[in-house]
Full PDB file with SEQRES, HELIX, SHEET, SSBOND, CRYST1, ORIGX, SCALE, CONECT and MASTER records, all heavy atoms in Angstrom:
SEQRES   1 A   32  THR TRP LEU PRO ALA SER VAL LEU PHE VAL GLY ILE ILE          
SEQRES   2 A   32  TYR ALA GLY SER ARG ALA LEU SER ARG LEU ALA ILE PRO          
SEQRES   3 A   32  VAL PHE PHE THR LEU HIS                                      
HELIX    1 AA1 LEU A    3  LEU A   20  1                                  18    
HELIX    2 AA2 ILE A   25  LEU A   31  1                                   7    
CRYST1    1.000    1.000    1.000  90.00  90.00  90.00 P 1           1          
ORIGX1      1.000000  0.000000  0.000000        0.00000                         
ORIGX2      0.000000  1.000000  0.000000        0.00000                         
ORIGX3      0.000000  0.000000  1.000000        0.00000                         
SCALE1      1.000000  0.000000  0.000000        0.00000                         
SCALE2      0.000000  1.000000  0.000000        0.00000                         
SCALE3      0.000000  0.000000  1.000000        0.00000                         
ATOM      1  N   THR A   1      12.966  15.234   9.505  1.00  0.00           N  
ATOM      2  CA  THR A   1      13.308  13.836   9.822  1.00  0.00           C  
ATOM      3  C   THR A   1      12.148  12.903   9.446  1.00  0.00           C  
ATOM      4  O   THR A   1      12.368  11.757   9.042  1.00  0.00           O  
ATOM      5  CB  THR A   1      13.623  13.699  11.309  1.00  0.00           C  
ATOM      6  OG1 THR A   1      14.692  14.566  11.687  1.00  0.00           O  
ATOM      7  CG2 THR A   1      14.015  12.279  11.641  1.00  0.00           C  
ATOM      8  N   TRP A   2      10.911  13.420   9.561  1.00  0.00           N  
ATOM      9  CA  TRP A   2       9.759  12.540   9.283  1.00  0.00           C  
ATOM     10  C   TRP A   2       9.423  12.529   7.799  1.00  0.00           C  
ATOM     11  O   TRP A   2       8.688  11.617   7.375  1.00  0.00           O  
ATOM     12  CB  TRP A   2       8.557  13.058  10.074  1.00  0.00           C  
ATOM     13  CG  TRP A   2       7.322  12.201   9.890  1.00  0.00           C  
ATOM     14  CD1 TRP A   2       6.211  12.526   9.221  1.00  0.00           C  
ATOM     15  CD2 TRP A   2       7.172  10.879  10.339  1.00  0.00           C  
ATOM     16  NE1 TRP A   2       5.305  11.465   9.243  1.00  0.00           N  
ATOM     17  CE2 TRP A   2       5.867  10.446   9.907  1.00  0.00           C  
ATOM     18  CE3 TRP A   2       7.967   9.972  11.081  1.00  0.00           C  
ATOM     19  CZ2 TRP A   2       5.371   9.145  10.227  1.00  0.00           C  
ATOM     20  CZ3 TRP A   2       7.470   8.701  11.331  1.00  0.00           C  
ATOM     21  CH2 TRP A   2       6.199   8.310  10.915  1.00  0.00           C  
ATOM     22  N   LEU A   3       9.947  13.408   7.008  1.00  0.00           N  
ATOM     23  CA  LEU A   3       9.560  13.496   5.568  1.00  0.00           C  
ATOM     24  C   LEU A   3       9.748  12.158   4.823  1.00  0.00           C  
ATOM     25  O   LEU A   3       8.893  11.788   4.012  1.00  0.00           O  
ATOM     26  CB  LEU A   3      10.304  14.625   4.885  1.00  0.00           C  
ATOM     27  CG  LEU A   3       9.717  16.029   5.084  1.00  0.00           C  
ATOM     28  CD1 LEU A   3      10.573  17.053   4.282  1.00  0.00           C  
ATOM     29  CD2 LEU A   3       8.263  16.066   4.635  1.00  0.00           C  
ATOM     30  N   PRO A   4      10.928  11.454   5.006  1.00  0.00           N  
ATOM     31  CA  PRO A   4      11.042  10.166   4.293  1.00  0.00           C  
ATOM     32  C   PRO A   4       9.894   9.199   4.623  1.00  0.00           C  
ATOM     33  O   PRO A   4       9.410   8.469   3.718  1.00  0.00           O  
ATOM     34  CB  PRO A   4      12.390   9.652   4.774  1.00  0.00           C  
ATOM     35  CG  PRO A   4      13.129  10.855   5.185  1.00  0.00           C  
ATOM     36  CD  PRO A   4      12.125  11.792   5.733  1.00  0.00           C  
ATOM     37  N   ALA A   5       9.439   9.197   5.865  1.00  0.00           N  
ATOM     38  CA  ALA A   5       8.332   8.314   6.245  1.00  0.00           C  
ATOM     39  C   ALA A   5       7.032   8.774   5.537  1.00  0.00           C  
ATOM     40  O   ALA A   5       6.218   7.941   5.126  1.00  0.00           O  
ATOM     41  CB  ALA A   5       8.125   8.354   7.737  1.00  0.00           C  
ATOM     42  N   SER A   6       6.825  10.071   5.390  1.00  0.00           N  
ATOM     43  CA  SER A   6       5.660  10.563   4.700  1.00  0.00           C  
ATOM     44  C   SER A   6       5.655  10.188   3.238  1.00  0.00           C  
ATOM     45  O   SER A   6       4.604   9.906   2.643  1.00  0.00           O  
ATOM     46  CB  SER A   6       5.557  12.105   4.841  1.00  0.00           C  
ATOM     47  OG  SER A   6       5.223  12.500   6.167  1.00  0.00           O  
ATOM     48  N   VAL A   7       6.852  10.200   2.620  1.00  0.00           N  
ATOM     49  CA  VAL A   7       6.974   9.749   1.214  1.00  0.00           C  
ATOM     50  C   VAL A   7       6.605   8.256   1.110  1.00  0.00           C  
ATOM     51  O   VAL A   7       5.920   7.861   0.185  1.00  0.00           O  
ATOM     52  CB  VAL A   7       8.422   9.991   0.688  1.00  0.00           C  
ATOM     53  CG1 VAL A   7       8.585   9.397  -0.679  1.00  0.00           C  
ATOM     54  CG2 VAL A   7       8.695  11.487   0.663  1.00  0.00           C  
ATOM     55  N   LEU A   8       7.091   7.473   2.094  1.00  0.00           N  
ATOM     56  CA  LEU A   8       6.758   6.045   2.137  1.00  0.00           C  
ATOM     57  C   LEU A   8       5.217   5.860   2.305  1.00  0.00           C  
ATOM     58  O   LEU A   8       4.632   4.948   1.745  1.00  0.00           O  
ATOM     59  CB  LEU A   8       7.481   5.366   3.242  1.00  0.00           C  
ATOM     60  CG  LEU A   8       8.984   5.089   3.005  1.00  0.00           C  
ATOM     61  CD1 LEU A   8       9.654   4.624   4.258  1.00  0.00           C  
ATOM     62  CD2 LEU A   8       9.169   4.091   1.863  1.00  0.00           C  
ATOM     63  N   PHE A   9       4.603   6.746   3.084  1.00  0.00           N  
ATOM     64  CA  PHE A   9       3.157   6.700   3.286  1.00  0.00           C  
ATOM     65  C   PHE A   9       2.428   6.856   1.938  1.00  0.00           C  
ATOM     66  O   PHE A   9       1.452   6.150   1.660  1.00  0.00           O  
ATOM     67  CB  PHE A   9       2.725   7.759   4.272  1.00  0.00           C  
ATOM     68  CG  PHE A   9       1.225   7.808   4.490  1.00  0.00           C  
ATOM     69  CD1 PHE A   9       0.582   6.940   5.319  1.00  0.00           C  
ATOM     70  CD2 PHE A   9       0.444   8.765   3.815  1.00  0.00           C  
ATOM     71  CE1 PHE A   9      -0.801   6.956   5.527  1.00  0.00           C  
ATOM     72  CE2 PHE A   9      -0.934   8.835   3.995  1.00  0.00           C  
ATOM     73  CZ  PHE A   9      -1.569   7.924   4.878  1.00  0.00           C  
ATOM     74  N   VAL A  10       2.925   7.782   1.122  1.00  0.00           N  
ATOM     75  CA  VAL A  10       2.337   7.974  -0.234  1.00  0.00           C  
ATOM     76  C   VAL A  10       2.489   6.683  -1.041  1.00  0.00           C  
ATOM     77  O   VAL A  10       1.545   6.230  -1.730  1.00  0.00           O  
ATOM     78  CB  VAL A  10       3.006   9.146  -0.950  1.00  0.00           C  
ATOM     79  CG1 VAL A  10       2.415   9.337  -2.355  1.00  0.00           C  
ATOM     80  CG2 VAL A  10       2.807  10.441  -0.152  1.00  0.00           C  
ATOM     81  N   GLY A  11       3.679   6.053  -0.926  1.00  0.00           N  
ATOM     82  CA  GLY A  11       3.885   4.765  -1.624  1.00  0.00           C  
ATOM     83  C   GLY A  11       2.959   3.692  -1.105  1.00  0.00           C  
ATOM     84  O   GLY A  11       2.401   2.884  -1.923  1.00  0.00           O  
ATOM     85  N   ILE A  12       2.674   3.676   0.190  1.00  0.00           N  
ATOM     86  CA  ILE A  12       1.790   2.690   0.777  1.00  0.00           C  
ATOM     87  C   ILE A  12       0.368   2.822   0.203  1.00  0.00           C  
ATOM     88  O   ILE A  12      -0.212   1.827  -0.242  1.00  0.00           O  
ATOM     89  CB  ILE A  12       1.753   2.874   2.322  1.00  0.00           C  
ATOM     90  CG1 ILE A  12       3.066   2.413   2.966  1.00  0.00           C  
ATOM     91  CG2 ILE A  12       0.583   2.036   2.920  1.00  0.00           C  
ATOM     92  CD1 ILE A  12       3.193   2.783   4.432  1.00  0.00           C  
ATOM     93  N   ILE A  13      -0.164   4.027   0.206  1.00  0.00           N  
ATOM     94  CA  ILE A  13      -1.551   4.181  -0.224  1.00  0.00           C  
ATOM     95  C   ILE A  13      -1.685   4.050  -1.726  1.00  0.00           C  
ATOM     96  O   ILE A  13      -2.740   3.519  -2.266  1.00  0.00           O  
ATOM     97  CB  ILE A  13      -2.146   5.473   0.316  1.00  0.00           C  
ATOM     98  CG1 ILE A  13      -1.396   6.712  -0.211  1.00  0.00           C  
ATOM     99  CG2 ILE A  13      -2.208   5.489   1.798  1.00  0.00           C  
ATOM    100  CD1 ILE A  13      -2.015   8.061   0.197  1.00  0.00           C  
ATOM    101  N   TYR A  14      -0.719   4.521  -2.487  1.00  0.00           N  
ATOM    102  CA  TYR A  14      -0.770   4.444  -3.954  1.00  0.00           C  
ATOM    103  C   TYR A  14      -0.678   2.974  -4.402  1.00  0.00           C  
ATOM    104  O   TYR A  14      -1.526   2.502  -5.156  1.00  0.00           O  
ATOM    105  CB  TYR A  14       0.329   5.301  -4.580  1.00  0.00           C  
ATOM    106  CG  TYR A  14       0.307   5.238  -6.113  1.00  0.00           C  
ATOM    107  CD1 TYR A  14      -0.472   6.109  -6.816  1.00  0.00           C  
ATOM    108  CD2 TYR A  14       1.088   4.332  -6.808  1.00  0.00           C  
ATOM    109  CE1 TYR A  14      -0.533   6.069  -8.233  1.00  0.00           C  
ATOM    110  CE2 TYR A  14       1.061   4.280  -8.215  1.00  0.00           C  
ATOM    111  CZ  TYR A  14       0.265   5.149  -8.906  1.00  0.00           C  
ATOM    112  OH  TYR A  14       0.234   5.112 -10.262  1.00  0.00           O  
ATOM    113  N   ALA A  15       0.391   2.272  -3.955  1.00  0.00           N  
ATOM    114  CA  ALA A  15       0.579   0.914  -4.336  1.00  0.00           C  
ATOM    115  C   ALA A  15      -0.503   0.020  -3.767  1.00  0.00           C  
ATOM    116  O   ALA A  15      -0.975  -0.932  -4.454  1.00  0.00           O  
ATOM    117  CB  ALA A  15       1.950   0.403  -3.872  1.00  0.00           C  
ATOM    118  N   GLY A  16      -0.990   0.327  -2.558  1.00  0.00           N  
ATOM    119  CA  GLY A  16      -2.070  -0.449  -1.982  1.00  0.00           C  
ATOM    120  C   GLY A  16      -3.353  -0.318  -2.792  1.00  0.00           C  
ATOM    121  O   GLY A  16      -4.042  -1.326  -2.968  1.00  0.00           O  
ATOM    122  N   SER A  17      -3.641   0.860  -3.277  1.00  0.00           N  
ATOM    123  CA  SER A  17      -4.806   1.053  -4.088  1.00  0.00           C  
ATOM    124  C   SER A  17      -4.697   0.300  -5.431  1.00  0.00           C  
ATOM    125  O   SER A  17      -5.691  -0.329  -5.854  1.00  0.00           O  
ATOM    126  CB  SER A  17      -4.975   2.596  -4.385  1.00  0.00           C  
ATOM    127  OG  SER A  17      -6.123   2.807  -5.190  1.00  0.00           O  
ATOM    128  N   ARG A  18      -3.517   0.359  -6.033  1.00  0.00           N  
ATOM    129  CA  ARG A  18      -3.338  -0.384  -7.295  1.00  0.00           C  
ATOM    130  C   ARG A  18      -3.498  -1.904  -7.088  1.00  0.00           C  
ATOM    131  O   ARG A  18      -4.064  -2.588  -7.914  1.00  0.00           O  
ATOM    132  CB  ARG A  18      -1.927  -0.087  -7.832  1.00  0.00           C  
ATOM    133  CG  ARG A  18      -1.680   1.351  -8.276  1.00  0.00           C  
ATOM    134  CD  ARG A  18      -2.469   1.727  -9.518  1.00  0.00           C  
ATOM    135  NE  ARG A  18      -2.068   0.987 -10.688  1.00  0.00           N  
ATOM    136  CZ  ARG A  18      -1.166   1.414 -11.588  1.00  0.00           C  
ATOM    137  NH1 ARG A  18      -0.569   2.607 -11.387  1.00  0.00           N  
ATOM    138  NH2 ARG A  18      -0.852   0.691 -12.640  1.00  0.00           N  
ATOM    139  N   ALA A  19      -2.939  -2.387  -5.961  1.00  0.00           N  
ATOM    140  CA  ALA A  19      -3.003  -3.844  -5.679  1.00  0.00           C  
ATOM    141  C   ALA A  19      -4.405  -4.291  -5.328  1.00  0.00           C  
ATOM    142  O   ALA A  19      -4.890  -5.317  -5.820  1.00  0.00           O  
ATOM    143  CB  ALA A  19      -2.039  -4.170  -4.503  1.00  0.00           C  
ATOM    144  N   LEU A  20      -5.097  -3.512  -4.498  1.00  0.00           N  
ATOM    145  CA  LEU A  20      -6.445  -3.878  -4.027  1.00  0.00           C  
ATOM    146  C   LEU A  20      -7.450  -3.863  -5.182  1.00  0.00           C  
ATOM    147  O   LEU A  20      -8.456  -4.608  -5.140  1.00  0.00           O  
ATOM    148  CB  LEU A  20      -6.912  -2.911  -2.941  1.00  0.00           C  
ATOM    149  CG  LEU A  20      -8.191  -3.315  -2.187  1.00  0.00           C  
ATOM    150  CD1 LEU A  20      -7.984  -4.642  -1.473  1.00  0.00           C  
ATOM    151  CD2 LEU A  20      -8.533  -2.233  -1.146  1.00  0.00           C  
ATOM    152  N   SER A  21      -7.209  -3.083  -6.227  1.00  0.00           N  
ATOM    153  CA  SER A  21      -8.124  -3.040  -7.391  1.00  0.00           C  
ATOM    154  C   SER A  21      -8.032  -4.339  -8.208  1.00  0.00           C  
ATOM    155  O   SER A  21      -8.970  -4.630  -8.938  1.00  0.00           O  
ATOM    156  CB  SER A  21      -7.757  -1.853  -8.280  1.00  0.00           C  
ATOM    157  OG  SER A  21      -6.483  -2.021  -8.901  1.00  0.00           O  
ATOM    158  N   ARG A  22      -6.933  -5.131  -7.999  1.00  0.00           N  
ATOM    159  CA  ARG A  22      -6.752  -6.320  -8.798  1.00  0.00           C  
ATOM    160  C   ARG A  22      -6.775  -7.631  -8.003  1.00  0.00           C  
ATOM    161  O   ARG A  22      -6.870  -8.709  -8.571  1.00  0.00           O  
ATOM    162  CB  ARG A  22      -5.401  -6.212  -9.546  1.00  0.00           C  
ATOM    163  CG  ARG A  22      -5.374  -5.108 -10.615  1.00  0.00           C  
ATOM    164  CD  ARG A  22      -3.984  -4.992 -11.244  1.00  0.00           C  
ATOM    165  NE  ARG A  22      -3.991  -4.054 -12.362  1.00  0.00           N  
ATOM    166  CZ  ARG A  22      -4.250  -4.386 -13.589  1.00  0.00           C  
ATOM    167  NH1 ARG A  22      -4.523  -5.665 -13.883  1.00  0.00           N  
ATOM    168  NH2 ARG A  22      -4.208  -3.518 -14.558  1.00  0.00           N  
ATOM    169  N   LEU A  23      -6.619  -7.498  -6.682  1.00  0.00           N  
ATOM    170  CA  LEU A  23      -6.509  -8.697  -5.834  1.00  0.00           C  
ATOM    171  C   LEU A  23      -7.699  -8.793  -4.875  1.00  0.00           C  
ATOM    172  O   LEU A  23      -8.259  -7.772  -4.477  1.00  0.00           O  
ATOM    173  CB  LEU A  23      -5.208  -8.665  -5.004  1.00  0.00           C  
ATOM    174  CG  LEU A  23      -3.909  -8.604  -5.754  1.00  0.00           C  
ATOM    175  CD1 LEU A  23      -2.730  -8.493  -4.796  1.00  0.00           C  
ATOM    176  CD2 LEU A  23      -3.722  -9.823  -6.683  1.00  0.00           C  
ATOM    177  N   ALA A  24      -8.068 -10.008  -4.567  1.00  0.00           N  
ATOM    178  CA  ALA A  24      -9.086 -10.216  -3.506  1.00  0.00           C  
ATOM    179  C   ALA A  24      -8.550  -9.742  -2.193  1.00  0.00           C  
ATOM    180  O   ALA A  24      -7.358  -9.799  -1.927  1.00  0.00           O  
ATOM    181  CB  ALA A  24      -9.488 -11.704  -3.494  1.00  0.00           C  
ATOM    182  N   ILE A  25      -9.437  -9.317  -1.293  1.00  0.00           N  
ATOM    183  CA  ILE A  25      -9.041  -8.775   0.015  1.00  0.00           C  
ATOM    184  C   ILE A  25      -8.256  -9.812   0.819  1.00  0.00           C  
ATOM    185  O   ILE A  25      -7.219  -9.439   1.404  1.00  0.00           O  
ATOM    186  CB  ILE A  25     -10.275  -8.260   0.779  1.00  0.00           C  
ATOM    187  CG1 ILE A  25     -10.767  -6.930   0.114  1.00  0.00           C  
ATOM    188  CG2 ILE A  25      -9.933  -8.008   2.237  1.00  0.00           C  
ATOM    189  CD1 ILE A  25     -11.969  -6.374   0.775  1.00  0.00           C  
ATOM    190  N   PRO A  26      -8.666 -11.072   0.926  1.00  0.00           N  
ATOM    191  CA  PRO A  26      -7.869 -12.056   1.670  1.00  0.00           C  
ATOM    192  C   PRO A  26      -6.443 -12.228   1.128  1.00  0.00           C  
ATOM    193  O   PRO A  26      -5.508 -12.341   1.873  1.00  0.00           O  
ATOM    194  CB  PRO A  26      -8.654 -13.364   1.564  1.00  0.00           C  
ATOM    195  CG  PRO A  26     -10.043 -12.932   1.298  1.00  0.00           C  
ATOM    196  CD  PRO A  26      -9.940 -11.686   0.437  1.00  0.00           C  
ATOM    197  N   VAL A  27      -6.312 -12.186  -0.219  1.00  0.00           N  
ATOM    198  CA  VAL A  27      -4.996 -12.276  -0.821  1.00  0.00           C  
ATOM    199  C   VAL A  27      -4.176 -11.010  -0.503  1.00  0.00           C  
ATOM    200  O   VAL A  27      -2.975 -11.136  -0.167  1.00  0.00           O  
ATOM    201  CB  VAL A  27      -5.120 -12.435  -2.357  1.00  0.00           C  
ATOM    202  CG1 VAL A  27      -3.755 -12.376  -3.061  1.00  0.00           C  
ATOM    203  CG2 VAL A  27      -5.810 -13.783  -2.687  1.00  0.00           C  
ATOM    204  N   PHE A  28      -4.786  -9.903  -0.591  1.00  0.00           N  
ATOM    205  CA  PHE A  28      -4.135  -8.632  -0.311  1.00  0.00           C  
ATOM    206  C   PHE A  28      -3.610  -8.640   1.169  1.00  0.00           C  
ATOM    207  O   PHE A  28      -2.473  -8.241   1.423  1.00  0.00           O  
ATOM    208  CB  PHE A  28      -5.073  -7.480  -0.532  1.00  0.00           C  
ATOM    209  CG  PHE A  28      -4.491  -6.119  -0.175  1.00  0.00           C  
ATOM    210  CD1 PHE A  28      -3.614  -5.465  -1.017  1.00  0.00           C  
ATOM    211  CD2 PHE A  28      -4.847  -5.492   1.023  1.00  0.00           C  
ATOM    212  CE1 PHE A  28      -3.087  -4.233  -0.682  1.00  0.00           C  
ATOM    213  CE2 PHE A  28      -4.302  -4.245   1.366  1.00  0.00           C  
ATOM    214  CZ  PHE A  28      -3.416  -3.666   0.473  1.00  0.00           C  
ATOM    215  N   PHE A  29      -4.449  -9.086   2.095  1.00  0.00           N  
ATOM    216  CA  PHE A  29      -4.019  -9.112   3.490  1.00  0.00           C  
ATOM    217  C   PHE A  29      -2.851 -10.080   3.729  1.00  0.00           C  
ATOM    218  O   PHE A  29      -1.930  -9.788   4.499  1.00  0.00           O  
ATOM    219  CB  PHE A  29      -5.213  -9.553   4.406  1.00  0.00           C  
ATOM    220  CG  PHE A  29      -6.214  -8.476   4.617  1.00  0.00           C  
ATOM    221  CD1 PHE A  29      -7.443  -8.779   5.166  1.00  0.00           C  
ATOM    222  CD2 PHE A  29      -5.970  -7.147   4.314  1.00  0.00           C  
ATOM    223  CE1 PHE A  29      -8.419  -7.785   5.402  1.00  0.00           C  
ATOM    224  CE2 PHE A  29      -6.898  -6.157   4.530  1.00  0.00           C  
ATOM    225  CZ  PHE A  29      -8.128  -6.464   5.059  1.00  0.00           C  
ATOM    226  N   THR A  30      -2.883 -11.196   3.058  1.00  0.00           N  
ATOM    227  CA  THR A  30      -1.828 -12.210   3.202  1.00  0.00           C  
ATOM    228  C   THR A  30      -0.490 -11.640   2.749  1.00  0.00           C  
ATOM    229  O   THR A  30       0.562 -11.832   3.381  1.00  0.00           O  
ATOM    230  CB  THR A  30      -2.172 -13.504   2.439  1.00  0.00           C  
ATOM    231  OG1 THR A  30      -3.426 -14.007   2.882  1.00  0.00           O  
ATOM    232  CG2 THR A  30      -1.074 -14.542   2.595  1.00  0.00           C  
ATOM    233  N   LEU A  31      -0.505 -10.958   1.599  1.00  0.00           N  
ATOM    234  CA  LEU A  31       0.755 -10.308   1.125  1.00  0.00           C  
ATOM    235  C   LEU A  31       1.141  -9.147   1.955  1.00  0.00           C  
ATOM    236  O   LEU A  31       2.327  -8.940   2.241  1.00  0.00           O  
ATOM    237  CB  LEU A  31       0.519  -9.878  -0.314  1.00  0.00           C  
ATOM    238  CG  LEU A  31       0.203 -10.980  -1.359  1.00  0.00           C  
ATOM    239  CD1 LEU A  31      -0.132 -10.407  -2.717  1.00  0.00           C  
ATOM    240  CD2 LEU A  31       1.343 -11.950  -1.449  1.00  0.00           C  
ATOM    241  N   HIS A  32       0.174  -8.364   2.419  1.00  0.00           N  
ATOM    242  CA  HIS A  32       0.448  -7.234   3.276  1.00  0.00           C  
ATOM    243  C   HIS A  32       1.189  -7.640   4.564  1.00  0.00           C  
ATOM    244  O   HIS A  32       2.063  -6.913   5.067  1.00  0.00           O  
ATOM    245  CB  HIS A  32      -0.893  -6.546   3.643  1.00  0.00           C  
ATOM    246  CG  HIS A  32      -0.771  -5.529   4.719  1.00  0.00           C  
ATOM    247  ND1 HIS A  32      -0.516  -4.185   4.407  1.00  0.00           N  
ATOM    248  CD2 HIS A  32      -0.879  -5.588   6.094  1.00  0.00           C  
ATOM    249  CE1 HIS A  32      -0.459  -3.463   5.581  1.00  0.00           C  
ATOM    250  NE2 HIS A  32      -0.702  -4.299   6.579  1.00  0.00           N  
TER     251      HIS A  32                                                      
MASTER        0    0    0    2    0    0    0    6  250    1    0    3          
END                                                                             
């Protein structure tokens, strides 16, 4: 039952890493 959430967790950290490499931290937090 928890596996879909774990897949989303992978999406969170992967996409977050890609976004943070290109955006300033205040901008990233505002979008987050």
